[in-house]
């Protein structure tokens, strides 16, 4: 049975994730001066913290290889200021949500969901969650559909910080975290290098360390220790991400989940939650 924290993460993540795939967001980022997908991704996500160094981004984006980050940061700040980048992201999301949601954008469901999200965020403890604190320091948009996206983004970055803490607690670094995620069939193999950008050498070194720790066997398959460790990571993440949902109450959490279920049906699938379905569809089409 899924915890309330996990159920609500999935609901809010599905509304947030449009910002990575909507062409309007990429187009507005390009108009602001950003170059390419990865510069747009890293710069727009970290912009609330200001023109930070690559090392700062590496500490927060543990999943990605330093060399991937360093191709985007700090160059992004020479093309556009963090303020201009944030303005572009919100402008792009305004356009994208209007296109995707259509008539639903003026609905009572959107208005009510935005109200609940704002109440949830007010109860969040941001201690140690740097990206959350950065996004939560920004003003809320006036439009309910955009305020809902802002709130989902703030909550998403809180969970991201919780997940980072959980990984650090069990002793996994960046490449080890994604390799073990793939090993327990929670992500496709392509994510290790194609998505996260780890080199052959990075993968070989991390795999050797995981074998030494007993997380992988000689064939690179997940051991019982790996399965238990990944379970512990998710449980710790849920635990650290549960307080604000407990504060808002089970009834209101269920109401928000139901509202977002209706709203998210209008949006594309999420490549993190729905990756199996996306891959199966791609294989069928090819």
Foldseek 3Di string as FASTA:
>chain_A
DDDLLVLLLVLLCLLQVVLLPQVQLVVLLVVQFADDNLLLVQLLLQLLVWLDALVVSCLLPQQADSVSSVVRPPVSCVRHTSVSSPVSSLVSVVVRLCVLQPPCQPPPLLVLLLVLLVQLLVQDDCVQLVSLVSLVVDDQDPRSSSSSNSSSSSLNSSLSRQLSVLCVVLPDTNLLVVLLCVLVPQAPPCCNPVVRNDDPVRNVVSLVVCVVVVQAPPVSHGDPVSVVSVVSSVVSSSVSSPRSVVVSHPVSSVSSSVSSVVRSVSDDDDCNPCVVVVVVVVVVVD
